[in-house]
Amino acid sequence: DNKDTSNSNIDLLLSYIENLIEELNYMIINKQNIFTFVPKNPATME
């Protein structure tokens, strides 16, 4: 759609998922616009 999503339902859903993933101790990795969720691990992050 190439449009601004602020204050949209899509933005709200993305925010909800991001918060949930954070609570589950996962992080979001963007590799060539494919987003994967991986567990947070201090050694991996360092």
All heavy atoms as atom14 arrays in JSON, in Angstrom:
{
  "sequence": "DNKDTSNSNIDLLLSYIENLIEELNYMIINKQNIFTFVPKNPATME",
  "atom14_mask": [
    [1, 1, 1, 1, 1, 1, 1, 1, 0, 0, 0, 0, 0, 0],
    [1, 1, 1, 1, 1, 1, 1, 1, 0, 0, 0, 0, 0, 0],
    [1, 1, 1, 1, 1, 1, 1, 1, 1, 0, 0, 0, 0, 0],
    [1, 1, 1, 1, 1, 1, 1, 1, 0, 0, 0, 0, 0, 0],
    [1, 1, 1, 1, 1, 1, 1, 0, 0, 0, 0, 0, 0, 0],
    [1, 1, 1, 1, 1, 1, 0, 0, 0, 0, 0, 0, 0, 0],
    [1, 1, 1, 1, 1, 1, 1, 1, 0, 0, 0, 0, 0, 0],
    [1, 1, 1, 1, 1, 1, 0, 0, 0, 0, 0, 0, 0, 0],
    [1, 1, 1, 1, 1, 1, 1, 1, 0, 0, 0, 0, 0, 0],
    [1, 1, 1, 1, 1, 1, 1, 1, 0, 0, 0, 0, 0, 0],
    [1, 1, 1, 1, 1, 1, 1, 1, 0, 0, 0, 0, 0, 0],
    [1, 1, 1, 1, 1, 1, 1, 1, 0, 0, 0, 0, 0, 0],
    [1, 1, 1, 1, 1, 1, 1, 1, 0, 0, 0, 0, 0, 0],
    [1, 1, 1, 1, 1, 1, 1, 1, 0, 0, 0, 0, 0, 0],
    [1, 1, 1, 1, 1, 1, 0, 0, 0, 0, 0, 0, 0, 0],
    [1, 1, 1, 1, 1, 1, 1, 1, 1, 1, 1, 1, 0, 0],
    [1, 1, 1, 1, 1, 1, 1, 1, 0, 0, 0, 0, 0, 0],
    [1, 1, 1, 1, 1, 1, 1, 1, 1, 0, 0, 0, 0, 0],
    [1, 1, 1, 1, 1, 1, 1, 1, 0, 0, 0, 0, 0, 0],
    [1, 1, 1, 1, 1, 1, 1, 1, 0, 0, 0, 0, 0, 0],
    [1, 1, 1, 1, 1, 1, 1, 1, 0, 0, 0, 0, 0, 0],
    [1, 1, 1, 1, 1, 1, 1, 1, 1, 0, 0, 0, 0, 0],
    [1, 1, 1, 1, 1, 1, 1, 1, 1, 0, 0, 0, 0, 0],
    [1, 1, 1, 1, 1, 1, 1, 1, 0, 0, 0, 0, 0, 0],
    [1, 1, 1, 1, 1, 1, 1, 1, 0, 0, 0, 0, 0, 0],
    [1, 1, 1, 1, 1, 1, 1, 1, 1, 1, 1, 1, 0, 0],
    [1, 1, 1, 1, 1, 1, 1, 1, 0, 0, 0, 0, 0, 0],
    [1, 1, 1, 1, 1, 1, 1, 1, 0, 0, 0, 0, 0, 0],
    [1, 1, 1, 1, 1, 1, 1, 1, 0, 0, 0, 0, 0, 0],
    [1, 1, 1, 1, 1, 1, 1, 1, 0, 0, 0, 0, 0, 0],
    [1, 1, 1, 1, 1, 1, 1, 1, 1, 0, 0, 0, 0, 0],
    [1, 1, 1, 1, 1, 1, 1, 1, 1, 0, 0, 0, 0, 0],
    [1, 1, 1, 1, 1, 1, 1, 1, 0, 0, 0, 0, 0, 0],
    [1, 1, 1, 1, 1, 1, 1, 1, 0, 0, 0, 0, 0, 0],
    [1, 1, 1, 1, 1, 1, 1, 1, 1, 1, 1, 0, 0, 0],
    [1, 1, 1, 1, 1, 1, 1, 0, 0, 0, 0, 0, 0, 0],
    [1, 1, 1, 1, 1, 1, 1, 1, 1, 1, 1, 0, 0, 0],
    [1, 1, 1, 1, 1, 1, 1, 0, 0, 0, 0, 0, 0, 0],
    [1, 1, 1, 1, 1, 1, 1, 0, 0, 0, 0, 0, 0, 0],
    [1, 1, 1, 1, 1, 1, 1, 1, 1, 0, 0, 0, 0, 0],
    [1, 1, 1, 1, 1, 1, 1, 1, 0, 0, 0, 0, 0, 0],
    [1, 1, 1, 1, 1, 1, 1, 0, 0, 0, 0, 0, 0, 0],
    [1, 1, 1, 1, 1, 0, 0, 0, 0, 0, 0, 0, 0, 0],
    [1, 1, 1, 1, 1, 1, 1, 0, 0, 0, 0, 0, 0, 0],
    [1, 1, 1, 1, 1, 1, 1, 1, 0, 0, 0, 0, 0, 0],
    [1, 1, 1, 1, 1, 1, 1, 1, 1, 0, 0, 0, 0, 0]
  ],
  "atom14_positions": [
    [[0.82, -1.21, 0.0], [0.0, 0.0, 0.0], [0.85, 1.26, 0.0], [0.39, 2.32, -0.42], [-0.95, 0.02, 1.21], [-2.08, -0.98, 1.06], [-2.3, -1.46, -0.07], [-2.74, -1.26, 2.07], [0.0, 0.0, 0.0], [0.0, 0.0, 0.0], [0.0, 0.0, 0.0], [0.0, 0.0, 0.0], [0.0, 0.0, 0.0], [0.0, 0.0, 0.0]],
    [[2.08, 1.14, 0.51], [3.01, 2.25, 0.53], [2.41, 3.52, 1.15], [2.48, 4.59, 0.58], [3.54, 2.53, -0.88], [4.82, 3.31, -0.86], [5.53, 3.33, 0.15], [5.12, 3.96, -1.96], [0.0, 0.0, 0.0], [0.0, 0.0, 0.0], [0.0, 0.0, 0.0], [0.0, 0.0, 0.0], [0.0, 0.0, 0.0], [0.0, 0.0, 0.0]],
    [[1.78, 3.33, 2.28], [1.17, 4.49, 2.93], [1.49, 4.5, 4.41], [1.89, 3.5, 4.99], [-0.33, 4.52, 2.71], [-1.08, 3.32, 3.25], [-2.54, 3.43, 2.92], [-3.26, 2.16, 3.34], [-4.65, 2.18, 2.97], [0.0, 0.0, 0.0], [0.0, 0.0, 0.0], [0.0, 0.0, 0.0], [0.0, 0.0, 0.0], [0.0, 0.0, 0.0]],
    [[1.29, 5.64, 5.0], [1.53, 5.82, 6.42], [0.49, 5.03, 7.2], [-0.71, 5.14, 6.93], [1.45, 7.31, 6.76], [1.73, 7.57, 8.23], [2.38, 6.72, 8.87], [1.31, 8.62, 8.71], [0.0, 0.0, 0.0], [0.0, 0.0, 0.0], [0.0, 0.0, 0.0], [0.0, 0.0, 0.0], [0.0, 0.0, 0.0], [0.0, 0.0, 0.0]],
    [[0.96, 4.24, 8.17], [0.02, 3.4, 8.92], [-0.21, 3.9, 10.34], [-0.9, 3.26, 11.1], [0.54, 1.95, 9.0], [1.79, 1.97, 9.65], [0.63, 1.33, 7.63], [0.0, 0.0, 0.0], [0.0, 0.0, 0.0], [0.0, 0.0, 0.0], [0.0, 0.0, 0.0], [0.0, 0.0, 0.0], [0.0, 0.0, 0.0], [0.0, 0.0, 0.0]],
    [[0.41, 5.02, 10.69], [0.22, 5.49, 12.06], [-1.25, 5.7, 12.34], [-2.01, 6.15, 11.5], [1.02, 6.77, 12.3], [0.71, 7.73, 11.34], [0.0, 0.0, 0.0], [0.0, 0.0, 0.0], [0.0, 0.0, 0.0], [0.0, 0.0, 0.0], [0.0, 0.0, 0.0], [0.0, 0.0, 0.0], [0.0, 0.0, 0.0], [0.0, 0.0, 0.0]],
    [[-1.64, 5.3, 13.52], [-3.03, 5.37, 13.97], [-3.96, 4.43, 13.19], [-5.16, 4.62, 13.18], [-3.58, 6.81, 13.91], [-2.8, 7.71, 14.83], [-2.41, 7.31, 15.92], [-2.57, 8.93, 14.38], [0.0, 0.0, 0.0], [0.0, 0.0, 0.0], [0.0, 0.0, 0.0], [0.0, 0.0, 0.0], [0.0, 0.0, 0.0], [0.0, 0.0, 0.0]],
    [[-3.41, 3.43, 12.53], [-4.26, 2.47, 11.81], [-4.34, 1.16, 12.59], [-3.57, 0.93, 13.53], [-3.7, 2.2, 10.41], [-2.53, 1.4, 10.52], [0.0, 0.0, 0.0], [0.0, 0.0, 0.0], [0.0, 0.0, 0.0], [0.0, 0.0, 0.0], [0.0, 0.0, 0.0], [0.0, 0.0, 0.0], [0.0, 0.0, 0.0], [0.0, 0.0, 0.0]],
    [[-5.25, 0.31, 12.18], [-5.37, -1.01, 12.81], [-4.12, -1.85, 12.56], [-3.73, -2.64, 13.42], [-6.61, -1.74, 12.29], [-7.88, -1.13, 12.84], [-7.88, -0.53, 13.9], [-8.97, -1.29, 12.11], [0.0, 0.0, 0.0], [0.0, 0.0, 0.0], [0.0, 0.0, 0.0], [0.0, 0.0, 0.0], [0.0, 0.0, 0.0], [0.0, 0.0, 0.0]],
    [[-3.51, -1.69, 11.41], [-2.29, -2.45, 11.1], [-1.2, -2.06, 12.08], [-0.52, -2.92, 12.64], [-1.85, -2.22, 9.63], [-2.84, -2.88, 8.68], [-0.44, -2.75, 9.4], [-2.56, -2.64, 7.22], [0.0, 0.0, 0.0], [0.0, 0.0, 0.0], [0.0, 0.0, 0.0], [0.0, 0.0, 0.0], [0.0, 0.0, 0.0], [0.0, 0.0, 0.0]],
    [[-1.05, -0.77, 12.29], [-0.03, -0.29, 13.22], [-0.3, -0.82, 14.64], [0.61, -1.21, 15.36], [0.0, 1.23, 13.21], [1.26, 1.78, 13.84], [2.34, 1.22, 13.56], [1.16, 2.75, 14.61], [0.0, 0.0, 0.0], [0.0, 0.0, 0.0], [0.0, 0.0, 0.0], [0.0, 0.0, 0.0], [0.0, 0.0, 0.0], [0.0, 0.0, 0.0]],
    [[-1.56, -0.84, 15.01], [-1.94, -1.34, 16.32], [-1.62, -2.83, 16.46], [-1.08, -3.27, 17.47], [-3.44, -1.1, 16.56], [-4.0, -1.51, 17.91], [-3.36, -0.7, 19.03], [-5.51, -1.32, 17.93], [0.0, 0.0, 0.0], [0.0, 0.0, 0.0], [0.0, 0.0, 0.0], [0.0, 0.0, 0.0], [0.0, 0.0, 0.0], [0.0, 0.0, 0.0]],
    [[-1.92, -3.61, 15.42], [-1.61, -5.04, 15.44], [-0.1, -5.29, 15.5], [0.36, -6.16, 16.24], [-2.21, -5.74, 14.22], [-3.72, -5.97, 14.24], [-4.21, -6.44, 12.88], [-4.07, -6.98, 15.32], [0.0, 0.0, 0.0], [0.0, 0.0, 0.0], [0.0, 0.0, 0.0], [0.0, 0.0, 0.0], [0.0, 0.0, 0.0], [0.0, 0.0, 0.0]],
    [[0.65, -4.54, 14.72], [2.11, -4.69, 14.74], [2.65, -4.38, 16.13], [3.5, -5.11, 16.65], [2.76, -3.76, 13.7], [2.6, -4.16, 12.24], [3.11, -3.05, 11.33], [3.3, -5.46, 11.94], [0.0, 0.0, 0.0], [0.0, 0.0, 0.0], [0.0, 0.0, 0.0], [0.0, 0.0, 0.0], [0.0, 0.0, 0.0], [0.0, 0.0, 0.0]],
    [[2.14, -3.33, 16.71], [2.56, -2.95, 18.05], [2.21, -4.03, 19.07], [3.02, -4.37, 19.95], [1.91, -1.62, 18.44], [2.23, -1.29, 19.75], [0.0, 0.0, 0.0], [0.0, 0.0, 0.0], [0.0, 0.0, 0.0], [0.0, 0.0, 0.0], [0.0, 0.0, 0.0], [0.0, 0.0, 0.0], [0.0, 0.0, 0.0], [0.0, 0.0, 0.0]],
    [[1.03, -4.61, 18.96], [0.61, -5.68, 19.85], [1.55, -6.88, 19.74], [2.0, -7.43, 20.75], [-0.83, -6.09, 19.55], [-1.28, -7.29, 20.33], [-1.61, -7.19, 21.68], [-1.35, -8.54, 19.73], [-2.0, -8.29, 22.41], [-1.74, -9.66, 20.46], [-2.06, -9.53, 21.79], [-2.43, -10.64, 22.51], [0.0, 0.0, 0.0], [0.0, 0.0, 0.0]],
    [[1.86, -7.27, 18.51], [2.75, -8.42, 18.28], [4.14, -8.11, 18.83], [4.77, -8.95, 19.49], [2.8, -8.8, 16.79], [1.44, -9.36, 16.35], [3.91, -9.81, 16.52], [1.3, -9.57, 14.85], [0.0, 0.0, 0.0], [0.0, 0.0, 0.0], [0.0, 0.0, 0.0], [0.0, 0.0, 0.0], [0.0, 0.0, 0.0], [0.0, 0.0, 0.0]],
    [[4.65, -6.91, 18.58], [5.97, -6.54, 19.07], [6.03, -6.6, 20.6], [7.0, -7.09, 21.17], [6.34, -5.13, 18.57], [6.63, -5.1, 17.08], [6.63, -3.69, 16.49], [6.35, -2.71, 17.22], [6.9, -3.59, 15.28], [0.0, 0.0, 0.0], [0.0, 0.0, 0.0], [0.0, 0.0, 0.0], [0.0, 0.0, 0.0], [0.0, 0.0, 0.0]],
    [[4.99, -6.13, 21.25], [4.95, -6.18, 22.72], [4.88, -7.61, 23.23], [5.54, -7.98, 24.21], [3.76, -5.38, 23.27], [3.96, -3.89, 23.09], [5.07, -3.4, 23.0], [2.85, -3.16, 23.03], [0.0, 0.0, 0.0], [0.0, 0.0, 0.0], [0.0, 0.0, 0.0], [0.0, 0.0, 0.0], [0.0, 0.0, 0.0], [0.0, 0.0, 0.0]],
    [[4.07, -8.44, 22.56], [3.95, -9.84, 22.95], [5.29, -10.56, 22.8], [5.72, -11.29, 23.71], [2.88, -10.54, 22.1], [2.7, -12.03, 22.34], [2.2, -12.29, 23.75], [1.74, -12.61, 21.31], [0.0, 0.0, 0.0], [0.0, 0.0, 0.0], [0.0, 0.0, 0.0], [0.0, 0.0, 0.0], [0.0, 0.0, 0.0], [0.0, 0.0, 0.0]],
    [[5.95, -10.34, 21.68], [7.24, -10.98, 21.42], [8.26, -10.55, 22.47], [9.04, -11.35, 22.98], [7.71, -10.66, 19.98], [6.78, -11.34, 18.97], [9.15, -11.05, 19.74], [6.61, -12.83, 19.17], [0.0, 0.0, 0.0], [0.0, 0.0, 0.0], [0.0, 0.0, 0.0], [0.0, 0.0, 0.0], [0.0, 0.0, 0.0], [0.0, 0.0, 0.0]],
    [[8.24, -9.28, 22.81], [9.14, -8.76, 23.85], [8.86, -9.45, 25.19], [9.79, -9.86, 25.9], [8.96, -7.25, 23.98], [9.82, -6.6, 25.02], [11.29, -6.56, 24.65], [11.63, -6.57, 23.46], [12.11, -6.53, 25.6], [0.0, 0.0, 0.0], [0.0, 0.0, 0.0], [0.0, 0.0, 0.0], [0.0, 0.0, 0.0], [0.0, 0.0, 0.0]],
    [[7.6, -9.6, 25.55], [7.23, -10.25, 26.81], [7.66, -11.71, 26.84], [7.96, -12.26, 27.9], [5.73, -10.15, 27.05], [5.27, -8.77, 27.5], [3.77, -8.71, 27.73], [3.19, -9.73, 28.14], [3.21, -7.63, 27.5], [0.0, 0.0, 0.0], [0.0, 0.0, 0.0], [0.0, 0.0, 0.0], [0.0, 0.0, 0.0], [0.0, 0.0, 0.0]],
    [[7.67, -12.35, 25.68], [8.08, -13.75, 25.59], [9.6, -13.91, 25.52], [10.11, -15.01, 25.36], [7.43, -14.42, 24.38], [5.91, -14.56, 24.44], [5.36, -15.04, 23.09], [5.5, -15.5, 25.56], [0.0, 0.0, 0.0], [0.0, 0.0, 0.0], [0.0, 0.0, 0.0], [0.0, 0.0, 0.0], [0.0, 0.0, 0.0], [0.0, 0.0, 0.0]],
    [[10.31, -12.77, 25.62], [11.77, -12.74, 25.58], [12.31, -13.17, 24.21], [13.31, -13.89, 24.12], [12.38, -13.57, 26.71], [13.76, -13.08, 27.07], [14.07, -11.91, 26.93], [14.6, -13.98, 27.53], [0.0, 0.0, 0.0], [0.0, 0.0, 0.0], [0.0, 0.0, 0.0], [0.0, 0.0, 0.0], [0.0, 0.0, 0.0], [0.0, 0.0, 0.0]],
    [[11.63, -12.71, 23.18], [12.08, -12.9, 21.8], [12.41, -11.54, 21.21], [12.02, -10.5, 21.76], [10.98, -13.55, 20.95], [10.94, -15.05, 21.03], [10.55, -15.7, 22.19], [11.31, -15.82, 19.94], [10.51, -17.08, 22.26], [11.27, -17.2, 19.99], [10.87, -17.83, 21.15], [10.84, -19.19, 21.22], [0.0, 0.0, 0.0], [0.0, 0.0, 0.0]],
    [[13.11, -11.56, 20.12], [13.39, -10.32, 19.4], [13.09, -10.53, 17.93], [13.02, -11.67, 17.44], [14.83, -9.88, 19.62], [15.86, -10.88, 19.17], [17.53, -10.44, 19.68], [17.82, -9.04, 18.66], [0.0, 0.0, 0.0], [0.0, 0.0, 0.0], [0.0, 0.0, 0.0], [0.0, 0.0, 0.0], [0.0, 0.0, 0.0], [0.0, 0.0, 0.0]],
    [[12.88, -9.42, 17.22], [12.52, -9.47, 15.81], [13.76, -9.14, 14.99], [14.4, -8.1, 15.21], [11.39, -8.48, 15.51], [10.16, -8.82, 16.35], [11.06, -8.5, 14.01], [9.06, -7.77, 16.3], [0.0, 0.0, 0.0], [0.0, 0.0, 0.0], [0.0, 0.0, 0.0], [0.0, 0.0, 0.0], [0.0, 0.0, 0.0], [0.0, 0.0, 0.0]],
    [[14.09, -10.01, 14.05], [15.23, -9.82, 13.16], [14.68, -9.59, 11.76], [13.84, -10.34, 11.27], [16.14, -11.07, 13.15], [16.59, -11.42, 14.56], [17.31, -10.88, 12.22], [17.39, -10.36, 15.24], [0.0, 0.0, 0.0], [0.0, 0.0, 0.0], [0.0, 0.0, 0.0], [0.0, 0.0, 0.0], [0.0, 0.0, 0.0], [0.0, 0.0, 0.0]],
    [[15.18, -8.55, 11.11], [14.78, -8.23, 9.74], [15.92, -8.62, 8.81], [16.99, -8.03, 8.84], [14.48, -6.73, 9.62], [14.08, -6.32, 8.22], [14.07, -7.12, 7.29], [13.76, -5.05, 8.06], [0.0, 0.0, 0.0], [0.0, 0.0, 0.0], [0.0, 0.0, 0.0], [0.0, 0.0, 0.0], [0.0, 0.0, 0.0], [0.0, 0.0, 0.0]],
    [[15.68, -9.64, 8.0], [16.68, -10.07, 7.02], [16.02, -10.0, 5.65], [15.16, -10.81, 5.32], [17.14, -11.49, 7.33], [18.27, -11.97, 6.46], [18.76, -13.33, 6.92], [19.91, -13.8, 6.06], [20.38, -15.12, 6.48], [0.0, 0.0, 0.0], [0.0, 0.0, 0.0], [0.0, 0.0, 0.0], [0.0, 0.0, 0.0], [0.0, 0.0, 0.0]],
    [[16.4, -8.99, 4.88], [15.87, -8.75, 3.54], [14.34, -8.67, 3.56], [13.65, -9.29, 2.76], [16.34, -9.84, 2.58], [17.84, -9.88, 2.45], [18.33, -11.05, 1.62], [17.62, -12.01, 1.39], [19.57, -10.96, 1.2], [0.0, 0.0, 0.0], [0.0, 0.0, 0.0], [0.0, 0.0, 0.0], [0.0, 0.0, 0.0], [0.0, 0.0, 0.0]],
    [[13.82, -7.89, 4.5], [12.39, -7.65, 4.67], [11.58, -8.91, 4.99], [10.38, -8.96, 4.75], [11.79, -6.92, 3.46], [12.22, -5.47, 3.45], [12.31, -4.84, 4.5], [12.49, -4.94, 2.27], [0.0, 0.0, 0.0], [0.0, 0.0, 0.0], [0.0, 0.0, 0.0], [0.0, 0.0, 0.0], [0.0, 0.0, 0.0], [0.0, 0.0, 0.0]],
    [[12.24, -9.9, 5.53], [11.57, -11.06, 6.1], [11.87, -11.01, 7.59], [13.03, -10.97, 8.0], [12.08, -12.4, 5.51], [11.93, -12.43, 4.0], [11.38, -13.58, 6.17], [10.5, -12.46, 3.5], [0.0, 0.0, 0.0], [0.0, 0.0, 0.0], [0.0, 0.0, 0.0], [0.0, 0.0, 0.0], [0.0, 0.0, 0.0], [0.0, 0.0, 0.0]],
    [[10.83, -10.97, 8.39], [10.98, -10.79, 9.82], [10.88, -12.14, 10.52], [9.93, -12.88, 10.29], [9.92, -9.82, 10.35], [10.04, -8.46, 9.72], [9.39, -8.17, 8.53], [10.83, -7.49, 10.31], [9.51, -6.92, 7.94], [10.95, -6.24, 9.73], [10.3, -5.95, 8.55], [0.0, 0.0, 0.0], [0.0, 0.0, 0.0], [0.0, 0.0, 0.0]],
    [[11.88, -12.44, 11.33], [11.88, -13.68, 12.08], [11.97, -13.36, 13.56], [12.56, -12.35, 13.96], [13.04, -14.6, 11.67], [14.27, -13.91, 11.83], [12.9, -15.07, 10.24], [0.0, 0.0, 0.0], [0.0, 0.0, 0.0], [0.0, 0.0, 0.0], [0.0, 0.0, 0.0], [0.0, 0.0, 0.0], [0.0, 0.0, 0.0], [0.0, 0.0, 0.0]],
    [[11.39, -14.22, 14.37], [11.4, -14.05, 15.81], [12.35, -15.08, 16.4], [12.17, -16.28, 16.2], [9.99, -14.25, 16.39], [8.96, -13.28, 15.88], [7.62, -13.48, 16.15], [9.3, -12.16, 15.13], [6.65, -12.6, 15.7], [8.34, -11.26, 14.67], [7.02, -11.48, 14.95], [0.0, 0.0, 0.0], [0.0, 0.0, 0.0], [0.0, 0.0, 0.0]],
    [[13.34, -14.6, 17.12], [14.33, -15.49, 17.71], [14.44, -15.2, 19.21], [14.22, -14.07, 19.64], [15.72, -15.34, 17.05], [15.68, -15.79, 15.6], [16.23, -13.91, 17.15], [0.0, 0.0, 0.0], [0.0, 0.0, 0.0], [0.0, 0.0, 0.0], [0.0, 0.0, 0.0], [0.0, 0.0, 0.0], [0.0, 0.0, 0.0], [0.0, 0.0, 0.0]],
    [[14.75, -16.22, 19.99], [14.87, -16.01, 21.44], [16.01, -15.05, 21.75], [17.05, -15.07, 21.09], [15.18, -17.4, 21.99], [15.0, -18.35, 20.89], [15.0, -17.6, 19.6], [0.0, 0.0, 0.0], [0.0, 0.0, 0.0], [0.0, 0.0, 0.0], [0.0, 0.0, 0.0], [0.0, 0.0, 0.0], [0.0, 0.0, 0.0], [0.0, 0.0, 0.0]],
    [[15.8, -14.23, 22.75], [16.87, -13.35, 23.21], [17.84, -14.18, 24.02], [17.44, -14.97, 24.86], [16.31, -12.23, 24.09], [15.64, -11.14, 23.34], [15.22, -10.04, 24.3], [14.47, -8.95, 23.58], [14.03, -7.9, 24.52], [0.0, 0.0, 0.0], [0.0, 0.0, 0.0], [0.0, 0.0, 0.0], [0.0, 0.0, 0.0], [0.0, 0.0, 0.0]],
    [[19.08, -14.0, 23.75], [20.14, -14.69, 24.47], [21.27, -13.68, 24.62], [21.77, -13.17, 23.61], [20.58, -15.9, 23.65], [21.78, -16.6, 24.22], [22.75, -15.98, 24.64], [21.75, -17.91, 24.19], [0.0, 0.0, 0.0], [0.0, 0.0, 0.0], [0.0, 0.0, 0.0], [0.0, 0.0, 0.0], [0.0, 0.0, 0.0], [0.0, 0.0, 0.0]],
    [[21.67, -13.35, 25.83], [22.69, -12.31, 26.01], [23.98, -12.59, 25.23], [24.55, -11.68, 24.64], [22.95, -12.32, 27.52], [21.7, -12.87, 28.12], [21.17, -13.85, 27.11], [0.0, 0.0, 0.0], [0.0, 0.0, 0.0], [0.0, 0.0, 0.0], [0.0, 0.0, 0.0], [0.0, 0.0, 0.0], [0.0, 0.0, 0.0], [0.0, 0.0, 0.0]],
    [[24.43, -13.82, 25.2], [25.67, -14.13, 24.48], [25.48, -13.91, 22.99], [26.34, -13.33, 22.32], [26.1, -15.57, 24.76], [0.0, 0.0, 0.0], [0.0, 0.0, 0.0], [0.0, 0.0, 0.0], [0.0, 0.0, 0.0], [0.0, 0.0, 0.0], [0.0, 0.0, 0.0], [0.0, 0.0, 0.0], [0.0, 0.0, 0.0], [0.0, 0.0, 0.0]],
    [[24.36, -14.37, 22.45], [24.08, -14.18, 21.03], [24.03, -12.71, 20.68], [24.59, -12.27, 19.67], [22.73, -14.85, 20.66], [22.79, -16.23, 20.98], [22.41, -14.69, 19.19], [0.0, 0.0, 0.0], [0.0, 0.0, 0.0], [0.0, 0.0, 0.0], [0.0, 0.0, 0.0], [0.0, 0.0, 0.0], [0.0, 0.0, 0.0], [0.0, 0.0, 0.0]],
    [[23.39, -11.93, 21.52], [23.26, -10.5, 21.25], [24.62, -9.81, 21.3], [24.9, -8.95, 20.46], [22.27, -9.88, 22.23], [20.85, -10.41, 22.01], [19.66, -9.87, 23.22], [19.4, -8.2, 22.69], [0.0, 0.0, 0.0], [0.0, 0.0, 0.0], [0.0, 0.0, 0.0], [0.0, 0.0, 0.0], [0.0, 0.0, 0.0], [0.0, 0.0, 0.0]],
    [[25.47, -10.19, 22.23], [26.81, -9.59, 22.31], [27.65, -9.97, 21.1], [28.34, -9.13, 20.53], [27.52, -10.01, 23.6], [27.03, -9.3, 24.83], [27.15, -7.78, 24.72], [28.22, -7.28, 24.34], [26.15, -7.1, 25.01], [0.0, 0.0, 0.0], [0.0, 0.0, 0.0], [0.0, 0.0, 0.0], [0.0, 0.0, 0.0], [0.0, 0.0, 0.0]]
  ]
}
